[in-house]
C-alpha atoms as a PDB file:
ATOM      1  CA  UNK A   1      50.447 -18.525-110.055  1.00  0.00           C
ATOM      2  CA  UNK A   2      49.421 -20.889-107.442  1.00  0.00           C
ATOM      3  CA  UNK A   3      47.645 -24.223-108.050  1.00  0.00           C
ATOM      4  CA  UNK A   4      44.568 -23.281-105.930  1.00  0.00           C
ATOM      5  CA  UNK A   5      41.352 -22.665-107.784  1.00  0.00           C
ATOM      6  CA  UNK A   6      40.737 -19.322-109.291  1.00  0.00           C
ATOM      7  CA  UNK A   7      38.829 -16.816-107.473  1.00  0.00           C
ATOM      8  CA  UNK A   8      35.701 -15.188-109.021  1.00  0.00           C
ATOM      9  CA  UNK A   9      35.548 -12.668-106.075  1.00  0.00           C
ATOM     10  CA  UNK A  10      37.888 -11.116-103.512  1.00  0.00           C
ATOM     11  CA  UNK A  11      36.637  -9.289-100.395  1.00  0.00           C
ATOM     12  CA  UNK A  12      39.007  -6.688 -99.194  1.00  0.00           C
ATOM     13  CA  UNK A  13      39.081  -4.645 -95.852  1.00  0.00           C
ATOM     14  CA  UNK A  14      41.391  -2.564 -94.078  1.00  0.00           C
ATOM     15  CA  UNK A  15      42.608  -5.053 -91.272  1.00  0.00           C
ATOM     16  CA  UNK A  16      44.860  -4.093 -88.397  1.00  0.00           C
ATOM     17  CA  UNK A  17      48.486  -3.079 -88.982  1.00  0.00           C
ATOM     18  CA  UNK A  18      49.517  -3.753 -85.438  1.00  0.00           C
ATOM     19  CA  UNK A  19      47.947  -7.212 -85.361  1.00  0.00           C
ATOM     20  CA  UNK A  20      47.046  -8.392 -88.846  1.00  0.00           C
ATOM     21  CA  UNK A  21      46.128 -11.936 -88.270  1.00  0.00           C
ATOM     22  CA  UNK A  22      42.874 -11.840 -86.363  1.00  0.00           C
ATOM     23  CA  UNK A  23      41.332  -9.682 -88.986  1.00  0.00           C
ATOM     24  CA  UNK A  24      42.634 -11.761 -91.769  1.00  0.00           C
ATOM     25  CA  UNK A  25      40.930 -14.686 -90.154  1.00  0.00           C
ATOM     26  CA  UNK A  26      37.685 -12.880 -89.497  1.00  0.00           C
ATOM     27  CA  UNK A  27      37.526 -11.694 -93.094  1.00  0.00           C
ATOM     28  CA  UNK A  28      38.279 -15.380 -94.399  1.00  0.00           C
ATOM     29  CA  UNK A  29      35.484 -16.713 -92.380  1.00  0.00           C
ATOM     30  CA  UNK A  30      33.230 -13.915 -93.817  1.00  0.00           C
ATOM     31  CA  UNK A  31      34.423 -14.951 -97.408  1.00  0.00           C
ATOM     32  CA  UNK A  32      33.323 -18.558 -96.439  1.00  0.00           C
ATOM     33  CA  UNK A  33      29.888 -17.363 -95.416  1.00  0.00           C
ATOM     34  CA  UNK A  34      29.520 -15.415 -98.705  1.00  0.00           C
ATOM     35  CA  UNK A  35      30.550 -18.330-100.799  1.00  0.00           C
ATOM     36  CA  UNK A  36      27.708 -20.562 -99.516  1.00  0.00           C
ATOM     37  CA  UNK A  37      25.526 -18.225-101.357  1.00  0.00           C
ATOM     38  CA  UNK A  38      27.519 -18.561-104.443  1.00  0.00           C
ATOM     39  CA  UNK A  39      27.661 -22.359-105.464  1.00  0.00           C
ATOM     40  CA  UNK A  40      30.417 -23.219-107.826  1.00  0.00           C
ATOM     41  CA  UNK A  41      32.409 -20.039-107.422  1.00  0.00           C
ATOM     42  CA  UNK A  42      35.305 -19.306-105.025  1.00  0.00           C
ATOM     43  CA  UNK A  43      35.534 -16.266-102.938  1.00  0.00           C
ATOM     44  CA  UNK A  44      38.704 -15.200-101.259  1.00  0.00           C
ATOM     45  CA  UNK A  45      39.581 -12.344 -98.961  1.00  0.00           C
ATOM     46  CA  UNK A  46      42.595 -10.179 -98.208  1.00  0.00           C
ATOM     47  CA  UNK A  47      43.250  -7.209 -95.771  1.00  0.00           C
ATOM     48  CA  UNK A  48      45.489  -4.111 -96.972  1.00  0.00           C
ATOM     49  CA  UNK A  49      47.257  -4.282 -93.428  1.00  0.00           C
ATOM     50  CA  UNK A  50      48.689  -7.848 -93.929  1.00  0.00           C
ATOM     51  CA  UNK A  51      51.854  -7.503 -95.932  1.00  0.00           C
ATOM     52  CA  UNK A  52      51.891  -9.267 -99.312  1.00  0.00           C
ATOM     53  CA  UNK A  53      48.274 -10.834 -98.744  1.00  0.00           C
ATOM     54  CA  UNK A  54      46.387  -8.811-101.264  1.00  0.00           C
ATOM     55  CA  UNK A  55      49.058  -9.437-103.831  1.00  0.00           C
ATOM     56  CA  UNK A  56      48.928 -13.166-103.410  1.00  0.00           C
ATOM     57  CA  UNK A  57      45.233 -13.198-103.572  1.00  0.00           C
ATOM     58  CA  UNK A  58      45.173 -11.037-106.645  1.00  0.00           C
ATOM     59  CA  UNK A  59      47.258 -13.743-108.444  1.00  0.00           C
ATOM     60  CA  UNK A  60      44.345 -16.173-108.049  1.00  0.00           C
ATOM     61  CA  UNK A  61      41.662 -13.715-109.123  1.00  0.00           C
ATOM     62  CA  UNK A  62      40.129 -14.703-112.416  1.00  0.00           C
ATOM     63  CA  UNK A  63      39.956 -12.367-115.374  1.00  0.00           C
ATOM     64  CA  UNK A  64      36.721 -10.361-115.019  1.00  0.00           C
ATOM     65  CA  UNK A  65      36.826 -11.177-111.279  1.00  0.00           C
ATOM     66  CA  UNK A  66      35.313  -8.711-108.756  1.00  0.00           C
ATOM     67  CA  UNK A  67      36.707  -6.897-105.733  1.00  0.00           C
ATOM     68  CA  UNK A  68      34.243  -6.194-102.772  1.00  0.00           C
ATOM     69  CA  UNK A  69      35.480  -3.497-100.476  1.00  0.00           C
ATOM     70  CA  UNK A  70      34.369  -4.347 -97.003  1.00  0.00           C
ATOM     71  CA  UNK A  71      34.180  -0.767 -95.987  1.00  0.00           C
ATOM     72  CA  UNK A  72      31.431   1.516 -94.979  1.00  0.00           C
ATOM     73  CA  UNK A  73      32.351   4.537 -97.057  1.00  0.00           C
ATOM     74  CA  UNK A  74      34.029   5.259-100.353  1.00  0.00           C
ATOM     75  CA  UNK A  75      36.685   7.216 -98.696  1.00  0.00           C
ATOM     76  CA  UNK A  76      40.392   7.395 -99.290  1.00  0.00           C
ATOM     77  CA  UNK A  77      41.191   3.615 -98.768  1.00  0.00           C
ATOM     78  CA  UNK A  78      38.608   2.691-101.412  1.00  0.00           C
ATOM     79  CA  UNK A  79      39.275   5.393-103.843  1.00  0.00           C
ATOM     80  CA  UNK A  80      43.034   5.806-103.589  1.00  0.00           C
ATOM     81  CA  UNK A  81      44.724   3.100-101.386  1.00  0.00           C
ATOM     82  CA  UNK A  82      43.107   0.128-102.845  1.00  0.00           C
ATOM     83  CA  UNK A  83      43.405   1.235-106.735  1.00  0.00           C
ATOM     84  CA  UNK A  84      46.986   1.858-106.050  1.00  0.00           C
ATOM     85  CA  UNK A  85      47.639  -1.761-104.466  1.00  0.00           C
ATOM     86  CA  UNK A  86      45.907  -3.317-107.294  1.00  0.00           C
ATOM     87  CA  UNK A  87      48.897  -2.353-109.539  1.00  0.00           C
ATOM     88  CA  UNK A  88      46.792  -2.317-112.673  1.00  0.00           C
ATOM     89  CA  UNK A  89      44.980  -5.425-112.078  1.00  0.00           C
ATOM     90  CA  UNK A  90      41.819  -5.451-114.445  1.00  0.00           C
ATOM     91  CA  UNK A  91      39.402  -6.551-111.599  1.00  0.00           C
ATOM     92  CA  UNK A  92      35.986  -4.766-111.167  1.00  0.00           C
ATOM     93  CA  UNK A  93      36.026  -2.829-107.925  1.00  0.00           C
ATOM     94  CA  UNK A  94      32.451  -2.650-106.582  1.00  0.00           C
ATOM     95  CA  UNK A  95      30.829  -0.147-104.321  1.00  0.00           C
ATOM     96  CA  UNK A  96      31.685  -0.716-100.660  1.00  0.00           C
ATOM     97  CA  UNK A  97      29.152  -2.266 -98.080  1.00  0.00           C
ATOM     98  CA  UNK A  98      28.155   1.015 -96.703  1.00  0.00           C
ATOM     99  CA  UNK A  99      27.108   2.120-100.160  1.00  0.00           C
ATOM    100  CA  UNK A 100      25.016  -0.941-100.985  1.00  0.00           C
ATOM    101  CA  UNK A 101      21.484   0.430-101.751  1.00  0.00           C
ATOM    102  CA  UNK A 102      19.993  -2.874-100.166  1.00  0.00           C
ATOM    103  CA  UNK A 103      21.773  -2.316 -96.655  1.00  0.00           C
ATOM    104  CA  UNK A 104      19.197   0.139 -95.368  1.00  0.00           C
ATOM    105  CA  UNK A 105      16.424  -2.375 -95.774  1.00  0.00           C
ATOM    106  CA  UNK A 106      18.353  -4.996 -93.933  1.00  0.00           C
ATOM    107  CA  UNK A 107      19.072  -2.518 -91.165  1.00  0.00           C
ATOM    108  CA  UNK A 108      15.482  -1.651 -91.129  1.00  0.00           C
ATOM    109  CA  UNK A 109      14.480  -5.224 -90.514  1.00  0.00           C
ATOM    110  CA  UNK A 110      17.345  -5.504 -87.884  1.00  0.00           C
ATOM    111  CA  UNK A 111      16.077  -2.643 -85.922  1.00  0.00           C
ATOM    112  CA  UNK A 112      12.362  -3.575 -85.864  1.00  0.00           C
ATOM    113  CA  UNK A 113      13.585  -7.099 -84.656  1.00  0.00           C
ATOM    114  CA  UNK A 114      15.808  -5.473 -81.874  1.00  0.00           C
ATOM    115  CA  UNK A 115      12.827  -3.405 -80.692  1.00  0.00           C
ATOM    116  CA  UNK A 116      10.690  -6.312 -80.609  1.00  0.00           C
ATOM    117  CA  UNK A 117      13.355  -8.421 -78.562  1.00  0.00           C
ATOM    118  CA  UNK A 118      13.065  -5.669 -75.983  1.00  0.00           C
ATOM    119  CA  UNK A 119       9.293  -5.120 -75.871  1.00  0.00           C
ATOM    120  CA  UNK A 120       9.560  -1.678 -77.515  1.00  0.00           C
ATOM    121  CA  UNK A 121       7.306  -0.198 -80.132  1.00  0.00           C
ATOM    122  CA  UNK A 122       9.520   1.003 -82.991  1.00  0.00           C
ATOM    123  CA  UNK A 123       7.496   4.155 -83.228  1.00  0.00           C
ATOM    124  CA  UNK A 124       8.530   5.027 -79.795  1.00  0.00           C
ATOM    125  CA  UNK A 125      12.174   4.298 -80.241  1.00  0.00           C
ATOM    126  CA  UNK A 126      15.145   6.667 -80.826  1.00  0.00           C
ATOM    127  CA  UNK A 127      17.853   5.856 -83.279  1.00  0.00           C
ATOM    128  CA  UNK A 128      21.480   6.922 -82.900  1.00  0.00           C
ATOM    129  CA  UNK A 129      23.913   6.060 -85.646  1.00  0.00           C
ATOM    130  CA  UNK A 130      27.495   5.760 -84.475  1.00  0.00           C
ATOM    131  CA  UNK A 131      29.907   6.244 -87.317  1.00  0.00           C
ATOM    132  CA  UNK A 132      33.547   6.843 -88.105  1.00  0.00           C
ATOM    133  CA  UNK A 133      33.524  10.120 -89.884  1.00  0.00           C
ATOM    134  CA  UNK A 134      36.988  11.585 -90.808  1.00  0.00           C
ATOM    135  CA  UNK A 135      38.977  14.889 -90.149  1.00  0.00           C
ATOM    136  CA  UNK A 136      40.266  14.409 -93.796  1.00  0.00           C
ATOM    137  CA  UNK A 137      37.347  14.761 -95.777  1.00  0.00           C
ATOM    138  CA  UNK A 138      33.505  14.520 -96.008  1.00  0.00           C
ATOM    139  CA  UNK A 139      32.845  10.953 -97.729  1.00  0.00           C
ATOM    140  CA  UNK A 140      32.872   8.981 -94.380  1.00  0.00           C
ATOM    141  CA  UNK A 141      30.233  11.121 -92.835  1.00  0.00           C
ATOM    142  CA  UNK A 142      28.216  11.440 -96.113  1.00  0.00           C
ATOM    143  CA  UNK A 143      28.001   7.680 -96.337  1.00  0.00           C
ATOM    144  CA  UNK A 144      26.704   7.413 -92.920  1.00  0.00           C
ATOM    145  CA  UNK A 145      24.111  10.253 -93.449  1.00  0.00           C
ATOM    146  CA  UNK A 146      22.978   8.882 -96.923  1.00  0.00           C
ATOM    147  CA  UNK A 147      22.352   5.364 -95.247  1.00  0.00           C
ATOM    148  CA  UNK A 148      20.438   7.189 -92.521  1.00  0.00           C
ATOM    149  CA  UNK A 149      18.285   9.046 -94.925  1.00  0.00           C
ATOM    150  CA  UNK A 150      17.451   5.791 -96.795  1.00  0.00           C
ATOM    151  CA  UNK A 151      16.788   4.002 -93.503  1.00  0.00           C
ATOM    152  CA  UNK A 152      14.429   6.660 -92.376  1.00  0.00           C
ATOM    153  CA  UNK A 153      12.055   5.845 -95.387  1.00  0.00           C
ATOM    154  CA  UNK A 154      12.021   2.296 -94.282  1.00  0.00           C
ATOM    155  CA  UNK A 155      11.833   1.857 -90.685  1.00  0.00           C
ATOM    156  CA  UNK A 156       8.726   3.167 -88.507  1.00  0.00           C
ATOM    157  CA  UNK A 157      10.998   4.738 -85.851  1.00  0.00           C
ATOM    158  CA  UNK A 158      12.322   8.215 -85.529  1.00  0.00           C
ATOM    159  CA  UNK A 159      14.935   9.736 -87.927  1.00  0.00           C
ATOM    160  CA  UNK A 160      18.366   8.823 -86.710  1.00  0.00           C
ATOM    161  CA  UNK A 161      20.890  11.210 -84.908  1.00  0.00           C
ATOM    162  CA  UNK A 162      24.408  10.805 -85.803  1.00  0.00           C
ATOM    163  CA  UNK A 163      27.558  10.730 -83.643  1.00  0.00           C
ATOM    164  CA  UNK A 164      30.959  10.426 -85.022  1.00  0.00           C
ATOM    165  CA  UNK A 165      34.511   9.242 -83.874  1.00  0.00           C
ATOM    166  CA  UNK A 166      36.618  11.557 -85.783  1.00  0.00           C
ATOM    167  CA  UNK A 167      34.480  14.620 -86.306  1.00  0.00           C
ATOM    168  CA  UNK A 168      31.521  16.747 -84.895  1.00  0.00           C
ATOM    169  CA  UNK A 169      29.026  16.058 -83.544  1.00  0.00           C
ATOM    170  CA  UNK A 170      31.026  13.513 -81.484  1.00  0.00           C
ATOM    171  CA  UNK A 171      29.284  10.414 -80.401  1.00  0.00           C
ATOM    172  CA  UNK A 172      29.507  11.584 -76.705  1.00  0.00           C
ATOM    173  CA  UNK A 173      27.788  14.759 -77.790  1.00  0.00           C
ATOM    174  CA  UNK A 174      25.085  12.952 -79.870  1.00  0.00           C
ATOM    175  CA  UNK A 175      24.309  10.329 -77.215  1.00  0.00           C
ATOM    176  CA  UNK A 176      23.868  13.016 -74.407  1.00  0.00           C
ATOM    177  CA  UNK A 177      20.198  12.992 -72.773  1.00  0.00           C
ATOM    178  CA  UNK A 178      18.862  10.408 -75.289  1.00  0.00           C
ATOM    179  CA  UNK A 179      15.948   8.239 -73.695  1.00  0.00           C
ATOM    180  CA  UNK A 180      16.479   4.860 -72.449  1.00  0.00           C
ATOM    181  CA  UNK A 181      14.517   3.406 -75.493  1.00  0.00           C
ATOM    182  CA  UNK A 182      17.212   4.222 -77.877  1.00  0.00           C
ATOM    183  CA  UNK A 183      19.156   1.945 -80.103  1.00  0.00           C
ATOM    184  CA  UNK A 184      22.705   2.767 -81.039  1.00  0.00           C
ATOM    185  CA  UNK A 185      23.564   1.279 -84.441  1.00  0.00           C
ATOM    186  CA  UNK A 186      27.237   1.112 -85.185  1.00  0.00           C
ATOM    187  CA  UNK A 187      27.824   1.919 -88.902  1.00  0.00           C
ATOM    188  CA  UNK A 188      31.028  -0.110 -88.865  1.00  0.00           C
ATOM    189  CA  UNK A 189      32.100  -3.084 -90.855  1.00  0.00           C
ATOM    190  CA  UNK A 190      33.827  -5.220 -88.144  1.00  0.00           C
ATOM    191  CA  UNK A 191      34.529  -5.241 -84.393  1.00  0.00           C
ATOM    192  CA  UNK A 192      37.542  -3.290 -84.397  1.00  0.00           C
ATOM    193  CA  UNK A 193      39.106  -0.986 -81.848  1.00  0.00           C
ATOM    194  CA  UNK A 194      36.506   1.872 -82.716  1.00  0.00           C
ATOM    195  CA  UNK A 195      33.658  -0.402 -81.697  1.00  0.00           C
ATOM    196  CA  UNK A 196      35.345  -2.184 -78.745  1.00  0.00           C
ATOM    197  CA  UNK A 197      36.844   1.010 -77.216  1.00  0.00           C
ATOM    198  CA  UNK A 198      35.967   4.288 -78.628  1.00  0.00           C
ATOM    199  CA  UNK A 199      32.131   3.761 -79.120  1.00  0.00           C
ATOM    200  CA  UNK A 200      31.556   2.326 -75.548  1.00  0.00           C
ATOM    201  CA  UNK A 201      33.815   5.057 -73.984  1.00  0.00           C
ATOM    202  CA  UNK A 202      31.807   7.919 -75.535  1.00  0.00           C
ATOM    203  CA  UNK A 203      28.598   6.170 -74.672  1.00  0.00           C
ATOM    204  CA  UNK A 204      29.754   5.970 -70.961  1.00  0.00           C
ATOM    205  CA  UNK A 205      30.826   9.546 -71.056  1.00  0.00           C
ATOM    206  CA  UNK A 206      27.320  10.454 -72.147  1.00  0.00           C
ATOM    207  CA  UNK A 207      25.710   8.244 -69.622  1.00  0.00           C
ATOM    208  CA  UNK A 208      23.819   6.563 -72.528  1.00  0.00           C
ATOM    209  CA  UNK A 209      21.026   4.378 -71.141  1.00  0.00           C
ATOM    210  CA  UNK A 210      20.013   2.757 -74.445  1.00  0.00           C
ATOM    211  CA  UNK A 211      21.117  -0.305 -76.313  1.00  0.00           C
ATOM    212  CA  UNK A 212      24.534  -0.636 -78.101  1.00  0.00           C
ATOM    213  CA  UNK A 213      24.064  -3.129 -81.110  1.00  0.00           C
ATOM    214  CA  UNK A 214      26.667  -5.067 -82.887  1.00  0.00           C
ATOM    215  CA  UNK A 215      28.490  -3.319 -85.913  1.00  0.00           C
ATOM    216  CA  UNK A 216      26.135  -3.431 -88.809  1.00  0.00           C
ATOM    217  CA  UNK A 217      28.728  -5.301 -91.074  1.00  0.00           C
ATOM    218  CA  UNK A 218      28.545  -8.182 -88.683  1.00  0.00           C
ATOM    219  CA  UNK A 219      24.847  -8.722 -89.162  1.00  0.00           C
ATOM    220  CA  UNK A 220      24.076 -12.426 -90.236  1.00  0.00           C
ATOM    221  CA  UNK A 221      22.250 -11.048 -93.359  1.00  0.00           C
ATOM    222  CA  UNK A 222      25.454  -9.198 -94.783  1.00  0.00           C
ATOM    223  CA  UNK A 223      26.985 -12.294 -96.473  1.00  0.00           C
ATOM    224  CA  UNK A 224      23.901 -12.708 -98.619  1.00  0.00           C
ATOM    225  CA  UNK A 225      23.957  -9.053 -99.426  1.00  0.00           C
ATOM    226  CA  UNK A 226      27.544  -9.419-100.556  1.00  0.00           C
ATOM    227  CA  UNK A 227      26.827 -12.451-102.637  1.00  0.00           C
ATOM    228  CA  UNK A 228      23.931 -10.415-104.405  1.00  0.00           C
ATOM    229  CA  UNK A 229      26.195  -7.588-105.250  1.00  0.00           C
ATOM    230  CA  UNK A 230      28.809 -10.145-106.549  1.00  0.00           C
ATOM    231  CA  UNK A 231      26.120 -11.586-108.758  1.00  0.00           C
ATOM    232  CA  UNK A 232      25.668 -14.763-106.625  1.00  0.00           C
END
């Protein structure tokens, strides 16, 4: 056990096995922003990809502490990989970011603001949700579609279309022939390779003329959302 203060919560993400340090630093910065909404409580972070980082952080997690999965779906990493890495630790594992019931309201406000910044009426805007999807199971796509259904009830624009990186309909297929007044909302937690490479390549292939927004998980309101889920 280290001499550092005990953690009341731990934010965990996948990270990048080929280059673990930048995602570790980005997640630590997120934990710091979450902690500003939780006075008197320490919030830590760890990626699954950085060897030993999660295990060291778990040594600091207080009894009854919570783990917040910084993922968009309750897929294999949340349901299987993370529990296996916990090694029986009694931490409470919360629902991931993409399954937070308050995420759709945050996104609705975000989309309305993005329309206003462009001089668009939300009622006239189209919406394309870019998501990961998975060839190994339905949970990744289901999380995106459930989020989209909740969002449809909250924002005045049209119901979203969906395009996926790893399953059909592909993002290139979904983005084809969309009007210029289209917002592409990436249903991703971080600015990883999918957002930096796969999404722009697919949109370029589709000759997408709309606006690509930052990943939803990078919205400035997300730290407060996570803090609320943690009871801050």
